[in-house]
Amino acid sequence: MKTYQARQQILILALSLITLLHSPLLLADANAELSVNPGNTDVQYMVNWPLPAGETVRDLASLFYPKNQRMQQYFIAETIKLNMEAQPELHPSTIFSQDNVILIPNIKELSKKSARRK
């Protein structure tokens, strides 16, 4: 009986953790904004993303694309482009001393755009 309860608690904890880790992605889709690049006619979707103190754009890219170095690099490049105006000091390894909000590309649109580049 104790083994069953322990397994049940571990399962509930694991599901809670998964939900917690994926909730920013769910909220990000709800906060998607439509934007047009001034020098380009392509319509891009971008998302306001909370970047906690101590986390970098490179860390975020690793979180979204843990096994795909090429997509990490593409995500970083697009994120830097989206933030050029508002945060010109932003680099892949910039560490903010306090929580910050940055613009990131919608990962679905980024994947589509990446597939077209091949």
PDB file of N, CA and C in Angstrom:
ATOM      1  N   MET A   1       0.819  -1.201   0.000  1.00  0.00           N
ATOM      2  CA  MET A   1       0.000   0.000   0.000  1.00  0.00           C
ATOM      3  C   MET A   1       0.863   1.266   0.000  1.00  0.00           C
ATOM      4  N   LYS A   2       1.951   1.244   0.800  1.00  0.00           N
ATOM      5  CA  LYS A   2       2.839   2.398   0.852  1.00  0.00           C
ATOM      6  C   LYS A   2       3.529   2.614  -0.493  1.00  0.00           C
ATOM      7  N   THR A   3       3.878   1.540  -1.172  1.00  0.00           N
ATOM      8  CA  THR A   3       4.517   1.646  -2.478  1.00  0.00           C
ATOM      9  C   THR A   3       3.581   2.310  -3.476  1.00  0.00           C
ATOM     10  N   TYR A   4       2.325   1.955  -3.447  1.00  0.00           N
ATOM     11  CA  TYR A   4       1.320   2.546  -4.342  1.00  0.00           C
ATOM     12  C   TYR A   4       1.194   4.042  -4.070  1.00  0.00           C
ATOM     13  N   GLN A   5       1.125   4.429  -2.806  1.00  0.00           N
ATOM     14  CA  GLN A   5       0.997   5.841  -2.445  1.00  0.00           C
ATOM     15  C   GLN A   5       2.247   6.619  -2.855  1.00  0.00           C
ATOM     16  N   ALA A   6       3.400   6.024  -2.671  1.00  0.00           N
ATOM     17  CA  ALA A   6       4.649   6.681  -3.062  1.00  0.00           C
ATOM     18  C   ALA A   6       4.693   6.888  -4.574  1.00  0.00           C
ATOM     19  N   ARG A   7       4.307   5.868  -5.327  1.00  0.00           N
ATOM     20  CA  ARG A   7       4.280   5.990  -6.795  1.00  0.00           C
ATOM     21  C   ARG A   7       3.281   7.054  -7.232  1.00  0.00           C
ATOM     22  N   GLN A   8       2.135   7.079  -6.575  1.00  0.00           N
ATOM     23  CA  GLN A   8       1.108   8.057  -6.910  1.00  0.00           C
ATOM     24  C   GLN A   8       1.609   9.475  -6.628  1.00  0.00           C
ATOM     25  N   GLN A   9       2.290   9.679  -5.523  1.00  0.00           N
ATOM     26  CA  GLN A   9       2.822  10.998  -5.191  1.00  0.00           C
ATOM     27  C   GLN A   9       3.911  11.408  -6.176  1.00  0.00           C
ATOM     28  N   ILE A  10       4.757  10.471  -6.564  1.00  0.00           N
ATOM     29  CA  ILE A  10       5.808  10.769  -7.546  1.00  0.00           C
ATOM     30  C   ILE A  10       5.189  11.137  -8.885  1.00  0.00           C
ATOM     31  N   LEU A  11       4.155  10.414  -9.284  1.00  0.00           N
ATOM     32  CA  LEU A  11       3.473  10.702 -10.541  1.00  0.00           C
ATOM     33  C   LEU A  11       2.839  12.095 -10.507  1.00  0.00           C
ATOM     34  N   ILE A  12       2.178  12.428  -9.422  1.00  0.00           N
ATOM     35  CA  ILE A  12       1.555  13.747  -9.283  1.00  0.00           C
ATOM     36  C   ILE A  12       2.616  14.834  -9.305  1.00  0.00           C
ATOM     37  N   LEU A  13       3.724  14.612  -8.620  1.00  0.00           N
ATOM     38  CA  LEU A  13       4.819  15.581  -8.607  1.00  0.00           C
ATOM     39  C   LEU A  13       5.394  15.771 -10.007  1.00  0.00           C
ATOM     40  N   ALA A  14       5.597  14.672 -10.728  1.00  0.00           N
ATOM     41  CA  ALA A  14       6.147  14.749 -12.084  1.00  0.00           C
ATOM     42  C   ALA A  14       5.197  15.501 -13.023  1.00  0.00           C
ATOM     43  N   LEU A  15       3.920  15.200 -12.940  1.00  0.00           N
ATOM     44  CA  LEU A  15       2.939  15.897 -13.786  1.00  0.00           C
ATOM     45  C   LEU A  15       2.865  17.379 -13.444  1.00  0.00           C
ATOM     46  N   SER A  16       2.957  17.708 -12.170  1.00  0.00           N
ATOM     47  CA  SER A  16       2.953  19.112 -11.750  1.00  0.00           C
ATOM     48  C   SER A  16       4.163  19.838 -12.297  1.00  0.00           C
ATOM     49  N   LEU A  17       5.324  19.189 -12.232  1.00  0.00           N
ATOM     50  CA  LEU A  17       6.554  19.785 -12.738  1.00  0.00           C
ATOM     51  C   LEU A  17       6.479  20.007 -14.245  1.00  0.00           C
ATOM     52  N   ILE A  18       5.974  19.027 -14.965  1.00  0.00           N
ATOM     53  CA  ILE A  18       5.828  19.163 -16.415  1.00  0.00           C
ATOM     54  C   ILE A  18       4.886  20.317 -16.752  1.00  0.00           C
ATOM     55  N   THR A  19       3.776  20.413 -16.043  1.00  0.00           N
ATOM     56  CA  THR A  19       2.820  21.496 -16.266  1.00  0.00           C
ATOM     57  C   THR A  19       3.465  22.839 -15.974  1.00  0.00           C
ATOM     58  N   LEU A  20       4.212  22.920 -14.891  1.00  0.00           N
ATOM     59  CA  LEU A  20       4.868  24.163 -14.513  1.00  0.00           C
ATOM     60  C   LEU A  20       5.889  24.587 -15.559  1.00  0.00           C
ATOM     61  N   LEU A  21       6.657  23.641 -16.074  1.00  0.00           N
ATOM     62  CA  LEU A  21       7.670  23.966 -17.066  1.00  0.00           C
ATOM     63  C   LEU A  21       7.075  24.372 -18.412  1.00  0.00           C
ATOM     64  N   HIS A  22       5.918  23.837 -18.744  1.00  0.00           N
ATOM     65  CA  HIS A  22       5.309  24.141 -20.033  1.00  0.00           C
ATOM     66  C   HIS A  22       4.319  25.302 -19.984  1.00  0.00           C
ATOM     67  N   SER A  23       3.957  25.775 -18.808  1.00  0.00           N
ATOM     68  CA  SER A  23       2.973  26.848 -18.724  1.00  0.00           C
ATOM     69  C   SER A  23       3.434  28.141 -19.387  1.00  0.00           C
ATOM     70  N   PRO A  24       4.736  28.533 -19.338  1.00  0.00           N
ATOM     71  CA  PRO A  24       5.127  29.739 -20.074  1.00  0.00           C
ATOM     72  C   PRO A  24       4.895  29.606 -21.574  1.00  0.00           C
ATOM     73  N   LEU A  25       5.075  28.386 -22.114  1.00  0.00           N
ATOM     74  CA  LEU A  25       4.830  28.192 -23.543  1.00  0.00           C
ATOM     75  C   LEU A  25       3.362  28.381 -23.877  1.00  0.00           C
ATOM     76  N   LEU A  26       2.485  27.905 -23.003  1.00  0.00           N
ATOM     77  CA  LEU A  26       1.050  28.073 -23.235  1.00  0.00           C
ATOM     78  C   LEU A  26       0.668  29.539 -23.156  1.00  0.00           C
ATOM     79  N   LEU A  27       1.204  30.244 -22.180  1.00  0.00           N
ATOM     80  CA  LEU A  27       0.906  31.662 -22.030  1.00  0.00           C
ATOM     81  C   LEU A  27       1.521  32.467 -23.159  1.00  0.00           C
ATOM     82  N   ALA A  28       2.674  32.035 -23.649  1.00  0.00           N
ATOM     83  CA  ALA A  28       3.342  32.755 -24.719  1.00  0.00           C
ATOM     84  C   ALA A  28       2.476  32.778 -25.971  1.00  0.00           C
ATOM     85  N   ASP A  29       1.837  31.644 -26.297  1.00  0.00           N
ATOM     86  CA  ASP A  29       0.957  31.622 -27.460  1.00  0.00           C
ATOM     87  C   ASP A  29      -0.210  32.588 -27.285  1.00  0.00           C
ATOM     88  N   ALA A  30      -0.710  32.712 -26.081  1.00  0.00           N
ATOM     89  CA  ALA A  30      -1.825  33.614 -25.828  1.00  0.00           C
ATOM     90  C   ALA A  30      -1.410  35.069 -25.951  1.00  0.00           C
ATOM     91  N   ASN A  31      -0.120  35.355 -25.725  1.00  0.00           N
ATOM     92  CA  ASN A  31       0.368  36.730 -25.770  1.00  0.00           C
ATOM     93  C   ASN A  31       1.034  37.086 -27.095  1.00  0.00           C
ATOM     94  N   ALA A  32       0.898  36.229 -28.097  1.00  0.00           N
ATOM     95  CA  ALA A  32       1.561  36.488 -29.380  1.00  0.00           C
ATOM     96  C   ALA A  32       1.077  37.801 -29.978  1.00  0.00           C
ATOM     97  N   GLU A  33       2.041  38.550 -30.522  1.00  0.00           N
ATOM     98  CA  GLU A  33       1.712  39.824 -31.145  1.00  0.00           C
ATOM     99  C   GLU A  33       2.084  39.752 -32.623  1.00  0.00           C
ATOM    100  N   LEU A  34       1.314  40.419 -33.437  1.00  0.00           N
ATOM    101  CA  LEU A  34       1.587  40.471 -34.862  1.00  0.00           C
ATOM    102  C   LEU A  34       2.467  41.677 -35.129  1.00  0.00           C
ATOM    103  N   SER A  35       3.518  41.478 -35.903  1.00  0.00           N
ATOM    104  CA  SER A  35       4.442  42.568 -36.173  1.00  0.00           C
ATOM    105  C   SER A  35       4.925  42.470 -37.612  1.00  0.00           C
ATOM    106  N   VAL A  36       5.241  43.606 -38.200  1.00  0.00           N
ATOM    107  CA  VAL A  36       5.781  43.629 -39.545  1.00  0.00           C
ATOM    108  C   VAL A  36       7.159  44.265 -39.475  1.00  0.00           C
ATOM    109  N   ASN A  37       8.154  43.608 -40.044  1.00  0.00           N
ATOM    110  CA  ASN A  37       9.489  44.185 -40.093  1.00  0.00           C
ATOM    111  C   ASN A  37       9.466  45.383 -41.031  1.00  0.00           C
ATOM    112  N   PRO A  38      10.019  46.528 -40.609  1.00  0.00           N
ATOM    113  CA  PRO A  38       9.978  47.726 -41.449  1.00  0.00           C
ATOM    114  C   PRO A  38      10.627  47.542 -42.820  1.00  0.00           C
ATOM    115  N   GLY A  39      11.757  46.833 -42.886  1.00  0.00           N
ATOM    116  CA  GLY A  39      12.441  46.674 -44.155  1.00  0.00           C
ATOM    117  C   GLY A  39      12.038  45.429 -44.916  1.00  0.00           C
ATOM    118  N   ASN A  40      11.053  44.730 -44.427  1.00  0.00           N
ATOM    119  CA  ASN A  40      10.697  43.446 -45.012  1.00  0.00           C
ATOM    120  C   ASN A  40       9.181  43.324 -45.044  1.00  0.00           C
ATOM    121  N   THR A  41       8.655  42.624 -46.025  1.00  0.00           N
ATOM    122  CA  THR A  41       7.207  42.466 -46.096  1.00  0.00           C
ATOM    123  C   THR A  41       6.740  41.214 -45.368  1.00  0.00           C
ATOM    124  N   ASP A  42       7.679  40.401 -44.859  1.00  0.00           N
ATOM    125  CA  ASP A  42       7.312  39.202 -44.108  1.00  0.00           C
ATOM    126  C   ASP A  42       6.607  39.578 -42.814  1.00  0.00           C
ATOM    127  N   VAL A  43       5.559  38.856 -42.527  1.00  0.00           N
ATOM    128  CA  VAL A  43       4.871  39.048 -41.257  1.00  0.00           C
ATOM    129  C   VAL A  43       5.448  38.034 -40.284  1.00  0.00           C
ATOM    130  N   GLN A  44       5.850  38.509 -39.114  1.00  0.00           N
ATOM    131  CA  GLN A  44       6.423  37.614 -38.111  1.00  0.00           C
ATOM    132  C   GLN A  44       5.592  37.694 -36.844  1.00  0.00           C
ATOM    133  N   TYR A  45       5.588  36.621 -36.116  1.00  0.00           N
ATOM    134  CA  TYR A  45       4.945  36.616 -34.814  1.00  0.00           C
ATOM    135  C   TYR A  45       6.026  36.654 -33.767  1.00  0.00           C
ATOM    136  N   MET A  46       5.834  37.524 -32.784  1.00  0.00           N
ATOM    137  CA  MET A  46       6.787  37.575 -31.688  1.00  0.00           C
ATOM    138  C   MET A  46       6.036  37.540 -30.370  1.00  0.00           C
ATOM    139  N   VAL A  47       6.731  37.143 -29.341  1.00  0.00           N
ATOM    140  CA  VAL A  47       6.128  36.914 -28.050  1.00  0.00           C
ATOM    141  C   VAL A  47       6.932  37.653 -26.988  1.00  0.00           C
ATOM    142  N   ASN A  48       6.244  38.342 -26.080  1.00  0.00           N
ATOM    143  CA  ASN A  48       6.914  38.912 -24.911  1.00  0.00           C
ATOM    144  C   ASN A  48       7.236  37.761 -23.981  1.00  0.00           C
ATOM    145  N   TRP A  49       8.505  37.637 -23.605  1.00  0.00           N
ATOM    146  CA  TRP A  49       8.919  36.504 -22.783  1.00  0.00           C
ATOM    147  C   TRP A  49       9.641  37.000 -21.534  1.00  0.00           C
ATOM    148  N   PRO A  50       9.205  36.550 -20.360  1.00  0.00           N
ATOM    149  CA  PRO A  50       9.899  36.950 -19.136  1.00  0.00           C
ATOM    150  C   PRO A  50      11.240  36.215 -19.025  1.00  0.00           C
ATOM    151  N   LEU A  51      12.305  36.977 -18.879  1.00  0.00           N
ATOM    152  CA  LEU A  51      13.639  36.402 -18.735  1.00  0.00           C
ATOM    153  C   LEU A  51      14.102  36.662 -17.298  1.00  0.00           C
ATOM    154  N   PRO A  52      14.123  35.625 -16.472  1.00  0.00           N
ATOM    155  CA  PRO A  52      14.501  35.813 -15.066  1.00  0.00           C
ATOM    156  C   PRO A  52      15.948  36.280 -14.921  1.00  0.00           C
ATOM    157  N   ALA A  53      16.230  36.963 -13.828  1.00  0.00           N
ATOM    158  CA  ALA A  53      17.593  37.402 -13.535  1.00  0.00           C
ATOM    159  C   ALA A  53      18.526  36.201 -13.568  1.00  0.00           C
ATOM    160  N   GLY A  54      19.678  36.370 -14.192  1.00  0.00           N
ATOM    161  CA  GLY A  54      20.662  35.303 -14.259  1.00  0.00           C
ATOM    162  C   GLY A  54      20.517  34.374 -15.453  1.00  0.00           C
ATOM    163  N   GLU A  55      19.424  34.482 -16.201  1.00  0.00           N
ATOM    164  CA  GLU A  55      19.218  33.628 -17.370  1.00  0.00           C
ATOM    165  C   GLU A  55      19.593  34.401 -18.630  1.00  0.00           C
ATOM    166  N   THR A  56      20.119  33.697 -19.620  1.00  0.00           N
ATOM    167  CA  THR A  56      20.546  34.329 -20.868  1.00  0.00           C
ATOM    168  C   THR A  56      19.680  33.857 -22.036  1.00  0.00           C
ATOM    169  N   VAL A  57      19.817  34.544 -23.152  1.00  0.00           N
ATOM    170  CA  VAL A  57      19.122  34.127 -24.380  1.00  0.00           C
ATOM    171  C   VAL A  57      19.634  32.749 -24.800  1.00  0.00           C
ATOM    172  N   ARG A  58      20.913  32.511 -24.594  1.00  0.00           N
ATOM    173  CA  ARG A  58      21.496  31.203 -24.929  1.00  0.00           C
ATOM    174  C   ARG A  58      20.850  30.103 -24.078  1.00  0.00           C
ATOM    175  N   ASP A  59      20.615  30.380 -22.789  1.00  0.00           N
ATOM    176  CA  ASP A  59      19.951  29.405 -21.915  1.00  0.00           C
ATOM    177  C   ASP A  59      18.543  29.101 -22.430  1.00  0.00           C
ATOM    178  N   LEU A  60      17.851  30.154 -22.834  1.00  0.00           N
ATOM    179  CA  LEU A  60      16.490  30.009 -23.343  1.00  0.00           C
ATOM    180  C   LEU A  60      16.468  29.164 -24.611  1.00  0.00           C
ATOM    181  N   ALA A  61      17.426  29.406 -25.494  1.00  0.00           N
ATOM    182  CA  ALA A  61      17.523  28.631 -26.733  1.00  0.00           C
ATOM    183  C   ALA A  61      17.759  27.151 -26.420  1.00  0.00           C
ATOM    184  N   SER A  62      18.597  26.886 -25.429  1.00  0.00           N
ATOM    185  CA  SER A  62      18.872  25.496 -25.031  1.00  0.00           C
ATOM    186  C   SER A  62      17.637  24.832 -24.450  1.00  0.00           C
ATOM    187  N   LEU A  63      16.807  25.625 -23.807  1.00  0.00           N
ATOM    188  CA  LEU A  63      15.571  25.097 -23.230  1.00  0.00           C
ATOM    189  C   LEU A  63      14.582  24.705 -24.331  1.00  0.00           C
ATOM    190  N   PHE A  64      14.450  25.563 -25.342  1.00  0.00           N
ATOM    191  CA  PHE A  64      13.510  25.299 -26.436  1.00  0.00           C
ATOM    192  C   PHE A  64      14.020  24.210 -27.379  1.00  0.00           C
ATOM    193  N   TYR A  65      15.318  24.221 -27.654  1.00  0.00           N
ATOM    194  CA  TYR A  65      15.901  23.281 -28.618  1.00  0.00           C
ATOM    195  C   TYR A  65      17.098  22.560 -27.979  1.00  0.00           C
ATOM    196  N   PRO A  66      16.849  21.671 -27.023  1.00  0.00           N
ATOM    197  CA  PRO A  66      17.949  21.041 -26.283  1.00  0.00           C
ATOM    198  C   PRO A  66      18.887  20.174 -27.126  1.00  0.00           C
ATOM    199  N   LYS A  67      18.402  19.635 -28.240  1.00  0.00           N
ATOM    200  CA  LYS A  67      19.229  18.724 -29.037  1.00  0.00           C
ATOM    201  C   LYS A  67      19.511  19.243 -30.442  1.00  0.00           C
ATOM    202  N   ASN A  68      19.207  20.521 -30.691  1.00  0.00           N
ATOM    203  CA  ASN A  68      19.352  21.039 -32.044  1.00  0.00           C
ATOM    204  C   ASN A  68      20.150  22.344 -32.017  1.00  0.00           C
ATOM    205  N   GLN A  69      21.460  22.226 -32.178  1.00  0.00           N
ATOM    206  CA  GLN A  69      22.372  23.372 -32.116  1.00  0.00           C
ATOM    207  C   GLN A  69      22.036  24.419 -33.191  1.00  0.00           C
ATOM    208  N   ARG A  70      21.688  23.944 -34.375  1.00  0.00           N
ATOM    209  CA  ARG A  70      21.377  24.866 -35.479  1.00  0.00           C
ATOM    210  C   ARG A  70      20.160  25.717 -35.154  1.00  0.00           C
ATOM    211  N   MET A  71      19.111  25.098 -34.587  1.00  0.00           N
ATOM    212  CA  MET A  71      17.915  25.858 -34.213  1.00  0.00           C
ATOM    213  C   MET A  71      18.200  26.785 -33.028  1.00  0.00           C
ATOM    214  N   GLN A  72      19.080  26.378 -32.135  1.00  0.00           N
ATOM    215  CA  GLN A  72      19.468  27.254 -31.028  1.00  0.00           C
ATOM    216  C   GLN A  72      20.094  28.534 -31.582  1.00  0.00           C
ATOM    217  N   GLN A  73      21.007  28.366 -32.529  1.00  0.00           N
ATOM    218  CA  GLN A  73      21.678  29.520 -33.130  1.00  0.00           C
ATOM    219  C   GLN A  73      20.679  30.405 -33.882  1.00  0.00           C
ATOM    220  N   TYR A  74      19.778  29.790 -34.587  1.00  0.00           N
ATOM    221  CA  TYR A  74      18.760  30.540 -35.335  1.00  0.00           C
ATOM    222  C   TYR A  74      17.840  31.295 -34.376  1.00  0.00           C
ATOM    223  N   PHE A  75      17.409  30.629 -33.302  1.00  0.00           N
ATOM    224  CA  PHE A  75      16.564  31.263 -32.287  1.00  0.00           C
ATOM    225  C   PHE A  75      17.280  32.468 -31.679  1.00  0.00           C
ATOM    226  N   ILE A  76      18.555  32.297 -31.340  1.00  0.00           N
ATOM    227  CA  ILE A  76      19.330  33.393 -30.740  1.00  0.00           C
ATOM    228  C   ILE A  76      19.428  34.568 -31.703  1.00  0.00           C
ATOM    229  N   ALA A  77      19.765  34.300 -32.958  1.00  0.00           N
ATOM    230  CA  ALA A  77      19.897  35.360 -33.965  1.00  0.00           C
ATOM    231  C   ALA A  77      18.590  36.125 -34.139  1.00  0.00           C
ATOM    232  N   GLU A  78      17.472  35.394 -34.243  1.00  0.00           N
ATOM    233  CA  GLU A  78      16.170  36.047 -34.421  1.00  0.00           C
ATOM    234  C   GLU A  78      15.765  36.842 -33.172  1.00  0.00           C
ATOM    235  N   THR A  79      16.082  36.318 -31.999  1.00  0.00           N
ATOM    236  CA  THR A  79      15.757  37.017 -30.752  1.00  0.00           C
ATOM    237  C   THR A  79      16.549  38.317 -30.654  1.00  0.00           C
ATOM    238  N   ILE A  80      17.824  38.268 -30.996  1.00  0.00           N
ATOM    239  CA  ILE A  80      18.658  39.479 -30.968  1.00  0.00           C
ATOM    240  C   ILE A  80      18.098  40.518 -31.943  1.00  0.00           C
ATOM    241  N   LYS A  81      17.699  40.069 -33.137  1.00  0.00           N
ATOM    242  CA  LYS A  81      17.116  40.985 -34.138  1.00  0.00           C
ATOM    243  C   LYS A  81      15.845  41.657 -33.610  1.00  0.00           C
ATOM    244  N   LEU A  82      14.967  40.863 -32.989  1.00  0.00           N
ATOM    245  CA  LEU A  82      13.705  41.398 -32.490  1.00  0.00           C
ATOM    246  C   LEU A  82      13.907  42.430 -31.387  1.00  0.00           C
ATOM    247  N   ASN A  83      15.009  42.351 -30.670  1.00  0.00           N
ATOM    248  CA  ASN A  83      15.247  43.235 -29.534  1.00  0.00           C
ATOM    249  C   ASN A  83      16.249  44.348 -29.823  1.00  0.00           C
ATOM    250  N   MET A  84      16.694  44.479 -31.071  1.00  0.00           N
ATOM    251  CA  MET A  84      17.713  45.475 -31.425  1.00  0.00           C
ATOM    252  C   MET A  84      17.342  46.894 -31.002  1.00  0.00           C
ATOM    253  N   GLU A  85      16.116  47.278 -31.280  1.00  0.00           N
ATOM    254  CA  GLU A  85      15.676  48.635 -30.988  1.00  0.00           C
ATOM    255  C   GLU A  85      15.517  48.885 -29.496  1.00  0.00           C
ATOM    256  N   ALA A  86      14.788  48.015 -28.834  1.00  0.00           N
ATOM    257  CA  ALA A  86      14.465  48.215 -27.431  1.00  0.00           C
ATOM    258  C   ALA A  86      15.630  47.906 -26.497  1.00  0.00           C
ATOM    259  N   GLN A  87      16.446  46.914 -26.860  1.00  0.00           N
ATOM    260  CA  GLN A  87      17.544  46.496 -25.992  1.00  0.00           C
ATOM    261  C   GLN A  87      18.802  46.231 -26.820  1.00  0.00           C
ATOM    262  N   PRO A  88      19.449  47.301 -27.288  1.00  0.00           N
ATOM    263  CA  PRO A  88      20.624  47.113 -28.146  1.00  0.00           C
ATOM    264  C   PRO A  88      21.788  46.418 -27.439  1.00  0.00           C
ATOM    265  N   GLU A  89      21.777  46.400 -26.105  1.00  0.00           N
ATOM    266  CA  GLU A  89      22.855  45.754 -25.350  1.00  0.00           C
ATOM    267  C   GLU A  89      22.680  44.247 -25.232  1.00  0.00           C
ATOM    268  N   LEU A  90      21.575  43.712 -25.740  1.00  0.00           N
ATOM    269  CA  LEU A  90      21.291  42.288 -25.614  1.00  0.00           C
ATOM    270  C   LEU A  90      22.187  41.459 -26.534  1.00  0.00           C
ATOM    271  N   HIS A  91      22.878  40.498 -25.919  1.00  0.00           N
ATOM    272  CA  HIS A  91      23.731  39.547 -26.636  1.00  0.00           C
ATOM    273  C   HIS A  91      23.358  38.147 -26.163  1.00  0.00           C
ATOM    274  N   PRO A  92      23.808  37.103 -26.852  1.00  0.00           N
ATOM    275  CA  PRO A  92      23.436  35.745 -26.444  1.00  0.00           C
ATOM    276  C   PRO A  92      23.773  35.415 -24.989  1.00  0.00           C
ATOM    277  N   SER A  93      24.848  36.000 -24.473  1.00  0.00           N
ATOM    278  CA  SER A  93      25.255  35.674 -23.103  1.00  0.00           C
ATOM    279  C   SER A  93      25.037  36.821 -22.114  1.00  0.00           C
ATOM    280  N   THR A  94      24.227  37.816 -22.486  1.00  0.00           N
ATOM    281  CA  THR A  94      23.922  38.914 -21.572  1.00  0.00           C
ATOM    282  C   THR A  94      23.162  38.375 -20.369  1.00  0.00           C
ATOM    283  N   ILE A  95      23.671  38.691 -19.184  1.00  0.00           N
ATOM    284  CA  ILE A  95      23.007  38.287 -17.947  1.00  0.00           C
ATOM    285  C   ILE A  95      22.468  39.548 -17.278  1.00  0.00           C
ATOM    286  N   PHE A  96      21.158  39.604 -17.097  1.00  0.00           N
ATOM    287  CA  PHE A  96      20.549  40.751 -16.436  1.00  0.00           C
ATOM    288  C   PHE A  96      20.558  40.541 -14.926  1.00  0.00           C
ATOM    289  N   SER A  97      20.731  41.635 -14.190  1.00  0.00           N
ATOM    290  CA  SER A  97      20.772  41.528 -12.728  1.00  0.00           C
ATOM    291  C   SER A  97      19.380  41.441 -12.123  1.00  0.00           C
ATOM    292  N   GLN A  98      18.363  41.755 -12.922  1.00  0.00           N
ATOM    293  CA  GLN A  98      16.985  41.625 -12.447  1.00  0.00           C
ATOM    294  C   GLN A  98      16.115  41.058 -13.562  1.00  0.00           C
ATOM    295  N   ASP A  99      14.917  40.638 -13.200  1.00  0.00           N
ATOM    296  CA  ASP A  99      13.998  40.079 -14.197  1.00  0.00           C
ATOM    297  C   ASP A  99      13.789  41.076 -15.330  1.00  0.00           C
ATOM    298  N   ASN A 100      13.626  40.550 -16.533  1.00  0.00           N
ATOM    299  CA  ASN A 100      13.479  41.380 -17.718  1.00  0.00           C
ATOM    300  C   ASN A 100      12.481  40.720 -18.657  1.00  0.00           C
ATOM    301  N   VAL A 101      11.934  41.487 -19.582  1.00  0.00           N
ATOM    302  CA  VAL A 101      11.046  40.939 -20.606  1.00  0.00           C
ATOM    303  C   VAL A 101      11.686  41.211 -21.953  1.00  0.00           C
ATOM    304  N   ILE A 102      11.809  40.152 -22.750  1.00  0.00           N
ATOM    305  CA  ILE A 102      12.374  40.300 -24.091  1.00  0.00           C
ATOM    306  C   ILE A 102      11.364  39.788 -25.107  1.00  0.00           C
ATOM    307  N   LEU A 103      11.595  40.132 -26.350  1.00  0.00           N
ATOM    308  CA  LEU A 103      10.783  39.593 -27.447  1.00  0.00           C
ATOM    309  C   LEU A 103      11.490  38.369 -27.994  1.00  0.00           C
ATOM    310  N   ILE A 104      10.732  37.306 -28.179  1.00  0.00           N
ATOM    311  CA  ILE A 104      11.284  36.109 -28.809  1.00  0.00           C
ATOM    312  C   ILE A 104      10.388  35.743 -29.986  1.00  0.00           C
ATOM    313  N   PRO A 105      10.939  35.046 -30.966  1.00  0.00           N
ATOM    314  CA  PRO A 105      10.102  34.598 -32.083  1.00  0.00           C
ATOM    315  C   PRO A 105       9.182  33.472 -31.625  1.00  0.00           C
ATOM    316  N   ASN A 106       7.998  33.433 -32.194  1.00  0.00           N
ATOM    317  CA  ASN A 106       7.083  32.327 -31.939  1.00  0.00           C
ATOM    318  C   ASN A 106       7.761  31.071 -32.468  1.00  0.00           C
ATOM    319  N   ILE A 107       7.908  30.057 -31.627  1.00  0.00           N
ATOM    320  CA  ILE A 107       8.700  28.886 -32.034  1.00  0.00           C
ATOM    321  C   ILE A 107       8.084  28.112 -33.192  1.00  0.00           C
ATOM    322  N   LYS A 108       6.767  28.165 -33.321  1.00  0.00           N
ATOM    323  CA  LYS A 108       6.131  27.495 -34.468  1.00  0.00           C
ATOM    324  C   LYS A 108       6.498  28.211 -35.763  1.00  0.00           C
ATOM    325  N   GLU A 109       6.410  29.538 -35.734  1.00  0.00           N
ATOM    326  CA  GLU A 109       6.743  30.321 -36.930  1.00  0.00           C
ATOM    327  C   GLU A 109       8.226  30.222 -37.249  1.00  0.00           C
ATOM    328  N   LEU A 110       9.056  30.185 -36.211  1.00  0.00           N
ATOM    329  CA  LEU A 110      10.492  30.066 -36.412  1.00  0.00           C
ATOM    330  C   LEU A 110      10.840  28.745 -37.085  1.00  0.00           C
ATOM    331  N   SER A 111      10.175  27.675 -36.682  1.00  0.00           N
ATOM    332  CA  SER A 111      10.405  26.367 -37.291  1.00  0.00           C
ATOM    333  C   SER A 111       9.997  26.362 -38.757  1.00  0.00           C
ATOM    334  N   LYS A 112       8.863  26.992 -39.045  1.00  0.00           N
ATOM    335  CA  LYS A 112       8.412  27.077 -40.441  1.00  0.00           C
ATOM    336  C   LYS A 112       9.413  27.852 -41.274  1.00  0.00           C
ATOM    337  N   LYS A 113       9.864  28.983 -40.730  1.00  0.00           N
ATOM    338  CA  LYS A 113      10.813  29.831 -41.428  1.00  0.00           C
ATOM    339  C   LYS A 113      12.137  29.103 -41.643  1.00  0.00           C
ATOM    340  N   SER A 114      12.555  28.330 -40.659  1.00  0.00           N
ATOM    341  CA  SER A 114      13.790  27.560 -40.749  1.00  0.00           C
ATOM    342  C   SER A 114      13.688  26.498 -41.836  1.00  0.00           C
ATOM    343  N   ALA A 115      12.546  25.846 -41.920  1.00  0.00           N
ATOM    344  CA  ALA A 115      12.343  24.810 -42.923  1.00  0.00           C
ATOM    345  C   ALA A 115      12.428  25.394 -44.342  1.00  0.00           C
ATOM    346  N   ARG A 116      11.941  26.621 -44.506  1.00  0.00           N
ATOM    347  CA  ARG A 116      12.006  27.281 -45.819  1.00  0.00           C
ATOM    348  C   ARG A 116      13.438  27.665 -46.196  1.00  0.00           C
ATOM    349  N   ARG A 117      14.296  27.880 -45.186  1.00  0.00           N
ATOM    350  CA  ARG A 117      15.687  28.300 -45.430  1.00  0.00           C
ATOM    351  C   ARG A 117      16.555  27.164 -45.938  1.00  0.00           C
ATOM    352  N   LYS A 118      16.171  25.919 -45.682  1.00  0.00           N
ATOM    353  CA  LYS A 118      17.021  24.767 -46.027  1.00  0.00           C
ATOM    354  C   LYS A 118      17.258  24.644 -47.490  1.00  0.00           C
TER     355      LYS A 118
END
